[in-house]
Amino acid sequence: MVLLDTCIVIEYINGNKVIIDEINKIGKEEFLLNDIIIMELFVGARDKRDLRFIKNKIDGFYTIEVTNEVVSLAKNLVKEYYLSNNCNINDSLLASSSLIYDIELFTYNLKHFNFIPDLKLYNLK
């Protein structure tokens, strides 16, 4: 299982062939979203039609819950890494989801995450 960062989902929605091929090769059911990613996608919608388009595109991805344990770890990541690495709230919630659920994180924004110990980053094969 692999957690998708918002930047990857946006590329998927926008028709990036490399991302679409990778997701299709592995199987959409192997890629996950969390509630934070979904909310980021929804607030990026320009209108109701765009929102429906986004909802249709992400249909079929499984969603993992942002639990109290995830939030607690995210809070610790912000406390530890905000000043040194600008670890923001959304990125910390994404990283902590990946750590708590012990899954890889697929992102283009490696500099947002590569300083977090034990975080597994997904590489395109």
N, C-alpha and C. Protein backbone atom coordinates (compact mmCIF):
# COMPACT_ATOMS: atom_id res chain seq x y z
N MET A 1 0.84 -1.18 0.00
CA MET A 1 0.00 0.00 0.00
C MET A 1 0.89 1.24 0.00
N VAL A 2 0.41 2.27 -0.69
CA VAL A 2 1.17 3.50 -0.86
C VAL A 2 0.23 4.69 -0.67
N LEU A 3 0.65 5.63 0.16
CA LEU A 3 -0.11 6.85 0.39
C LEU A 3 0.32 7.89 -0.64
N LEU A 4 -0.66 8.49 -1.31
CA LEU A 4 -0.38 9.49 -2.33
C LEU A 4 -0.39 10.90 -1.74
N ASP A 5 0.62 11.68 -2.08
CA ASP A 5 0.64 13.10 -1.73
C ASP A 5 -0.29 13.83 -2.69
N THR A 6 -0.75 14.98 -2.27
CA THR A 6 -1.66 15.77 -3.09
C THR A 6 -1.06 16.07 -4.46
N CYS A 7 0.23 16.37 -4.51
CA CYS A 7 0.87 16.70 -5.79
C CYS A 7 0.76 15.55 -6.79
N ILE A 8 0.82 14.33 -6.30
CA ILE A 8 0.71 13.16 -7.18
C ILE A 8 -0.74 13.00 -7.65
N VAL A 9 -1.69 13.19 -6.75
CA VAL A 9 -3.10 13.06 -7.13
C VAL A 9 -3.47 14.14 -8.15
N ILE A 10 -2.95 15.34 -7.99
CA ILE A 10 -3.21 16.41 -8.95
C ILE A 10 -2.67 16.01 -10.33
N GLU A 11 -1.47 15.44 -10.35
CA GLU A 11 -0.91 14.98 -11.62
C GLU A 11 -1.80 13.89 -12.23
N TYR A 12 -2.30 13.01 -11.40
CA TYR A 12 -3.20 11.94 -11.86
C TYR A 12 -4.48 12.55 -12.45
N ILE A 13 -5.07 13.48 -11.73
CA ILE A 13 -6.30 14.13 -12.18
C ILE A 13 -6.07 14.88 -13.49
N ASN A 14 -4.90 15.50 -13.62
CA ASN A 14 -4.59 16.29 -14.81
C ASN A 14 -4.11 15.44 -15.99
N GLY A 15 -4.06 14.13 -15.81
CA GLY A 15 -3.76 13.24 -16.92
C GLY A 15 -2.29 12.96 -17.17
N ASN A 16 -1.44 13.14 -16.15
CA ASN A 16 -0.01 12.84 -16.30
C ASN A 16 0.15 11.34 -16.60
N LYS A 17 0.63 11.03 -17.80
CA LYS A 17 0.72 9.65 -18.26
C LYS A 17 1.63 8.79 -17.37
N VAL A 18 2.73 9.34 -16.90
CA VAL A 18 3.66 8.59 -16.05
C VAL A 18 2.95 8.15 -14.76
N ILE A 19 2.23 9.08 -14.15
CA ILE A 19 1.52 8.77 -12.90
C ILE A 19 0.38 7.80 -13.16
N ILE A 20 -0.40 8.06 -14.18
CA ILE A 20 -1.52 7.16 -14.51
C ILE A 20 -1.01 5.75 -14.79
N ASP A 21 0.05 5.63 -15.59
CA ASP A 21 0.61 4.32 -15.90
C ASP A 21 1.10 3.60 -14.64
N GLU A 22 1.75 4.35 -13.75
CA GLU A 22 2.25 3.74 -12.51
C GLU A 22 1.10 3.23 -11.65
N ILE A 23 0.08 4.03 -11.49
CA ILE A 23 -1.07 3.63 -10.68
C ILE A 23 -1.79 2.45 -11.32
N ASN A 24 -1.96 2.47 -12.63
CA ASN A 24 -2.62 1.35 -13.31
C ASN A 24 -1.78 0.08 -13.26
N LYS A 25 -0.45 0.23 -13.35
CA LYS A 25 0.45 -0.93 -13.32
C LYS A 25 0.36 -1.65 -11.97
N ILE A 26 0.38 -0.89 -10.89
CA ILE A 26 0.35 -1.47 -9.54
C ILE A 26 -1.09 -1.84 -9.15
N GLY A 27 -2.04 -1.03 -9.58
CA GLY A 27 -3.44 -1.23 -9.23
C GLY A 27 -3.93 -0.11 -8.32
N LYS A 28 -4.99 0.55 -8.74
CA LYS A 28 -5.53 1.69 -7.99
C LYS A 28 -5.82 1.33 -6.53
N GLU A 29 -6.20 0.08 -6.31
CA GLU A 29 -6.55 -0.35 -4.95
C GLU A 29 -5.34 -0.39 -4.01
N GLU A 30 -4.13 -0.27 -4.55
CA GLU A 30 -2.92 -0.28 -3.73
C GLU A 30 -2.51 1.14 -3.29
N PHE A 31 -3.19 2.15 -3.80
CA PHE A 31 -2.85 3.53 -3.49
C PHE A 31 -3.93 4.14 -2.61
N LEU A 32 -3.49 4.89 -1.61
CA LEU A 32 -4.38 5.41 -0.60
C LEU A 32 -4.37 6.94 -0.55
N LEU A 33 -5.46 7.49 -0.06
CA LEU A 33 -5.57 8.91 0.26
C LEU A 33 -5.92 9.01 1.72
N ASN A 34 -5.63 10.16 2.33
CA ASN A 34 -6.18 10.40 3.66
C ASN A 34 -7.10 11.62 3.57
N ASP A 35 -7.79 11.91 4.65
CA ASP A 35 -8.78 12.99 4.64
C ASP A 35 -8.16 14.35 4.34
N ILE A 36 -6.92 14.56 4.73
CA ILE A 36 -6.24 15.83 4.49
C ILE A 36 -6.05 16.03 2.99
N ILE A 37 -5.61 15.00 2.30
CA ILE A 37 -5.40 15.08 0.86
C ILE A 37 -6.72 15.37 0.15
N ILE A 38 -7.76 14.68 0.55
CA ILE A 38 -9.07 14.88 -0.06
C ILE A 38 -9.55 16.31 0.14
N MET A 39 -9.38 16.84 1.35
CA MET A 39 -9.78 18.23 1.60
C MET A 39 -8.95 19.21 0.77
N GLU A 40 -7.64 18.96 0.63
CA GLU A 40 -6.80 19.82 -0.21
C GLU A 40 -7.29 19.81 -1.65
N LEU A 41 -7.68 18.66 -2.14
CA LEU A 41 -8.19 18.56 -3.50
C LEU A 41 -9.51 19.31 -3.65
N PHE A 42 -10.39 19.16 -2.69
CA PHE A 42 -11.69 19.83 -2.76
C PHE A 42 -11.56 21.35 -2.73
N VAL A 43 -10.66 21.88 -1.89
CA VAL A 43 -10.52 23.34 -1.84
C VAL A 43 -9.84 23.88 -3.09
N GLY A 44 -9.24 23.01 -3.88
CA GLY A 44 -8.64 23.42 -5.15
C GLY A 44 -9.64 23.51 -6.29
N ALA A 45 -10.87 23.06 -6.05
CA ALA A 45 -11.89 23.10 -7.10
C ALA A 45 -12.30 24.55 -7.39
N ARG A 46 -12.45 24.86 -8.67
CA ARG A 46 -12.82 26.22 -9.07
C ARG A 46 -14.32 26.46 -9.02
N ASP A 47 -15.10 25.38 -9.19
CA ASP A 47 -16.56 25.50 -9.17
C ASP A 47 -17.14 24.10 -8.91
N LYS A 48 -18.47 24.01 -8.90
CA LYS A 48 -19.13 22.73 -8.59
C LYS A 48 -18.84 21.66 -9.64
N ARG A 49 -18.73 22.08 -10.89
CA ARG A 49 -18.41 21.12 -11.96
C ARG A 49 -17.01 20.54 -11.75
N ASP A 50 -16.07 21.40 -11.41
CA ASP A 50 -14.70 20.97 -11.14
C ASP A 50 -14.66 20.04 -9.93
N LEU A 51 -15.45 20.35 -8.90
CA LEU A 51 -15.52 19.51 -7.70
C LEU A 51 -16.04 18.12 -8.06
N ARG A 52 -17.07 18.05 -8.88
CA ARG A 52 -17.60 16.74 -9.32
C ARG A 52 -16.54 15.96 -10.10
N PHE A 53 -15.80 16.66 -10.96
CA PHE A 53 -14.73 16.04 -11.74
C PHE A 53 -13.68 15.44 -10.81
N ILE A 54 -13.27 16.20 -9.80
CA ILE A 54 -12.28 15.72 -8.84
C ILE A 54 -12.81 14.50 -8.08
N LYS A 55 -14.05 14.59 -7.61
CA LYS A 55 -14.65 13.47 -6.88
C LYS A 55 -14.67 12.21 -7.74
N ASN A 56 -15.03 12.35 -9.01
CA ASN A 56 -15.06 11.19 -9.92
C ASN A 56 -13.68 10.61 -10.14
N LYS A 57 -12.67 11.46 -10.27
CA LYS A 57 -11.31 11.00 -10.51
C LYS A 57 -10.73 10.24 -9.32
N ILE A 58 -11.08 10.65 -8.10
CA ILE A 58 -10.50 9.98 -6.92
C ILE A 58 -11.35 8.80 -6.45
N ASP A 59 -12.51 8.63 -7.08
CA ASP A 59 -13.34 7.49 -6.75
C ASP A 59 -12.56 6.21 -7.03
N GLY A 60 -12.56 5.30 -6.10
CA GLY A 60 -11.83 4.05 -6.28
C GLY A 60 -10.55 3.97 -5.46
N PHE A 61 -10.06 5.13 -5.02
CA PHE A 61 -8.93 5.11 -4.09
C PHE A 61 -9.47 4.86 -2.69
N TYR A 62 -8.78 4.04 -1.94
CA TYR A 62 -9.16 3.82 -0.55
C TYR A 62 -8.68 5.01 0.28
N THR A 63 -9.40 5.26 1.36
CA THR A 63 -9.06 6.37 2.26
C THR A 63 -8.68 5.80 3.62
N ILE A 64 -7.58 6.33 4.17
CA ILE A 64 -7.21 5.95 5.53
C ILE A 64 -7.57 7.09 6.47
N GLU A 65 -7.92 6.73 7.66
CA GLU A 65 -8.40 7.68 8.65
C GLU A 65 -7.25 8.45 9.29
N VAL A 66 -7.50 9.71 9.55
CA VAL A 66 -6.56 10.53 10.32
C VAL A 66 -6.98 10.38 11.78
N THR A 67 -6.33 9.46 12.46
CA THR A 67 -6.68 9.11 13.84
C THR A 67 -6.01 10.05 14.84
N ASN A 68 -6.39 9.92 16.09
CA ASN A 68 -5.73 10.69 17.15
C ASN A 68 -4.24 10.39 17.20
N GLU A 69 -3.89 9.13 16.95
CA GLU A 69 -2.47 8.74 16.94
C GLU A 69 -1.72 9.45 15.81
N VAL A 70 -2.35 9.55 14.66
CA VAL A 70 -1.75 10.26 13.52
C VAL A 70 -1.56 11.74 13.86
N VAL A 71 -2.58 12.35 14.45
CA VAL A 71 -2.50 13.77 14.81
C VAL A 71 -1.43 14.00 15.87
N SER A 72 -1.35 13.11 16.84
CA SER A 72 -0.35 13.25 17.89
C SER A 72 1.07 13.19 17.33
N LEU A 73 1.32 12.24 16.44
CA LEU A 73 2.64 12.15 15.82
C LEU A 73 2.90 13.37 14.94
N ALA A 74 1.89 13.84 14.22
CA ALA A 74 2.04 15.03 13.37
C ALA A 74 2.43 16.24 14.22
N LYS A 75 1.82 16.36 15.36
CA LYS A 75 2.14 17.46 16.27
C LYS A 75 3.61 17.40 16.69
N ASN A 76 4.09 16.20 16.97
CA ASN A 76 5.50 16.03 17.33
C ASN A 76 6.42 16.35 16.16
N LEU A 77 6.02 15.98 14.95
CA LEU A 77 6.83 16.29 13.77
C LEU A 77 6.94 17.80 13.55
N VAL A 78 5.83 18.51 13.73
CA VAL A 78 5.85 19.97 13.59
C VAL A 78 6.75 20.58 14.65
N LYS A 79 6.60 20.10 15.87
CA LYS A 79 7.43 20.63 16.98
C LYS A 79 8.92 20.39 16.70
N GLU A 80 9.24 19.23 16.18
CA GLU A 80 10.63 18.86 15.94
C GLU A 80 11.22 19.51 14.68
N TYR A 81 10.41 19.64 13.62
CA TYR A 81 10.98 19.99 12.32
C TYR A 81 10.47 21.29 11.69
N TYR A 82 9.54 21.97 12.32
CA TYR A 82 9.04 23.18 11.67
C TYR A 82 10.14 24.24 11.51
N LEU A 83 10.84 24.54 12.58
CA LEU A 83 11.85 25.60 12.51
C LEU A 83 13.04 25.23 11.63
N SER A 84 13.43 23.96 11.68
CA SER A 84 14.62 23.56 10.91
C SER A 84 14.31 23.22 9.46
N ASN A 85 13.11 22.70 9.19
CA ASN A 85 12.80 22.21 7.84
C ASN A 85 11.45 22.70 7.30
N ASN A 86 10.82 23.62 8.01
CA ASN A 86 9.53 24.16 7.59
C ASN A 86 8.47 23.07 7.41
N CYS A 87 8.47 22.10 8.29
CA CYS A 87 7.49 21.01 8.25
C CYS A 87 6.12 21.57 8.64
N ASN A 88 5.24 21.71 7.64
CA ASN A 88 3.94 22.32 7.91
C ASN A 88 2.91 21.30 8.39
N ILE A 89 1.74 21.78 8.71
CA ILE A 89 0.70 20.94 9.29
C ILE A 89 0.27 19.84 8.31
N ASN A 90 -0.04 20.20 7.08
CA ASN A 90 -0.51 19.20 6.12
C ASN A 90 0.55 18.14 5.84
N ASP A 91 1.79 18.57 5.64
CA ASP A 91 2.86 17.60 5.38
C ASP A 91 3.11 16.71 6.59
N SER A 92 3.01 17.27 7.78
CA SER A 92 3.23 16.46 8.98
C SER A 92 2.11 15.42 9.14
N LEU A 93 0.88 15.79 8.79
CA LEU A 93 -0.22 14.83 8.86
C LEU A 93 -0.06 13.72 7.82
N LEU A 94 0.44 14.08 6.67
CA LEU A 94 0.69 13.09 5.62
C LEU A 94 1.82 12.14 6.04
N ALA A 95 2.91 12.70 6.52
CA ALA A 95 4.04 11.88 6.97
C ALA A 95 3.64 10.98 8.14
N SER A 96 2.92 11.54 9.09
CA SER A 96 2.53 10.73 10.25
C SER A 96 1.56 9.62 9.84
N SER A 97 0.68 9.88 8.88
CA SER A 97 -0.20 8.81 8.37
C SER A 97 0.63 7.68 7.79
N SER A 98 1.63 8.03 7.02
CA SER A 98 2.50 7.04 6.41
C SER A 98 3.25 6.24 7.47
N LEU A 99 3.74 6.93 8.49
CA LEU A 99 4.48 6.25 9.56
C LEU A 99 3.58 5.36 10.40
N ILE A 100 2.44 5.86 10.81
CA ILE A 100 1.53 5.09 11.67
C ILE A 100 1.01 3.86 10.95
N TYR A 101 0.64 4.01 9.70
CA TYR A 101 0.10 2.88 8.93
C TYR A 101 1.20 2.03 8.30
N ASP A 102 2.46 2.44 8.47
CA ASP A 102 3.63 1.73 7.95
C ASP A 102 3.50 1.47 6.44
N ILE A 103 3.30 2.56 5.71
CA ILE A 103 3.19 2.49 4.26
C ILE A 103 4.10 3.54 3.63
N GLU A 104 4.43 3.33 2.37
CA GLU A 104 5.26 4.28 1.65
C GLU A 104 4.46 5.52 1.29
N LEU A 105 5.17 6.63 1.11
CA LEU A 105 4.58 7.88 0.69
C LEU A 105 5.09 8.21 -0.70
N PHE A 106 4.17 8.45 -1.63
CA PHE A 106 4.52 8.79 -3.01
C PHE A 106 4.35 10.30 -3.17
N THR A 107 5.47 11.00 -3.37
CA THR A 107 5.46 12.45 -3.50
C THR A 107 6.53 12.90 -4.47
N TYR A 108 6.31 14.06 -5.07
CA TYR A 108 7.36 14.73 -5.83
C TYR A 108 8.13 15.69 -4.94
N ASN A 109 7.56 16.03 -3.79
CA ASN A 109 8.14 17.02 -2.89
C ASN A 109 9.04 16.37 -1.85
N LEU A 110 10.12 15.76 -2.31
CA LEU A 110 11.01 15.03 -1.43
C LEU A 110 11.58 15.91 -0.32
N LYS A 111 11.87 17.16 -0.62
CA LYS A 111 12.46 18.04 0.40
C LYS A 111 11.50 18.32 1.55
N HIS A 112 10.22 18.08 1.35
CA HIS A 112 9.25 18.26 2.44
C HIS A 112 9.28 17.10 3.43
N PHE A 113 9.91 15.99 3.03
CA PHE A 113 9.81 14.78 3.83
C PHE A 113 11.13 14.05 4.10
N ASN A 114 12.16 14.28 3.33
CA ASN A 114 13.36 13.44 3.41
C ASN A 114 14.13 13.56 4.72
N PHE A 115 13.80 14.49 5.56
CA PHE A 115 14.46 14.66 6.86
C PHE A 115 13.77 13.88 7.98
N ILE A 116 12.66 13.23 7.68
CA ILE A 116 11.90 12.51 8.71
C ILE A 116 12.40 11.08 8.80
N PRO A 117 12.96 10.71 9.95
CA PRO A 117 13.50 9.35 10.11
C PRO A 117 12.41 8.29 9.94
N ASP A 118 12.78 7.19 9.35
CA ASP A 118 11.93 6.00 9.18
C ASP A 118 10.79 6.19 8.20
N LEU A 119 10.65 7.36 7.58
CA LEU A 119 9.61 7.56 6.58
C LEU A 119 10.07 6.91 5.28
N LYS A 120 9.23 6.03 4.74
CA LYS A 120 9.54 5.34 3.49
C LYS A 120 8.93 6.10 2.32
N LEU A 121 9.78 6.51 1.39
CA LEU A 121 9.32 7.23 0.22
C LEU A 121 9.27 6.30 -0.98
N TYR A 122 8.19 6.38 -1.73
CA TYR A 122 7.94 5.53 -2.89
C TYR A 122 8.73 6.07 -4.08
N ASN A 123 9.37 5.18 -4.79
CA ASN A 123 10.10 5.55 -6.00
C ASN A 123 9.41 4.96 -7.21
N LEU A 124 9.28 5.78 -8.26
CA LEU A 124 8.74 5.25 -9.52
C LEU A 124 9.65 4.14 -10.02
N LYS A 125 9.06 3.05 -10.43
CA LYS A 125 9.86 1.92 -10.89
C LYS A 125 10.06 1.95 -12.37
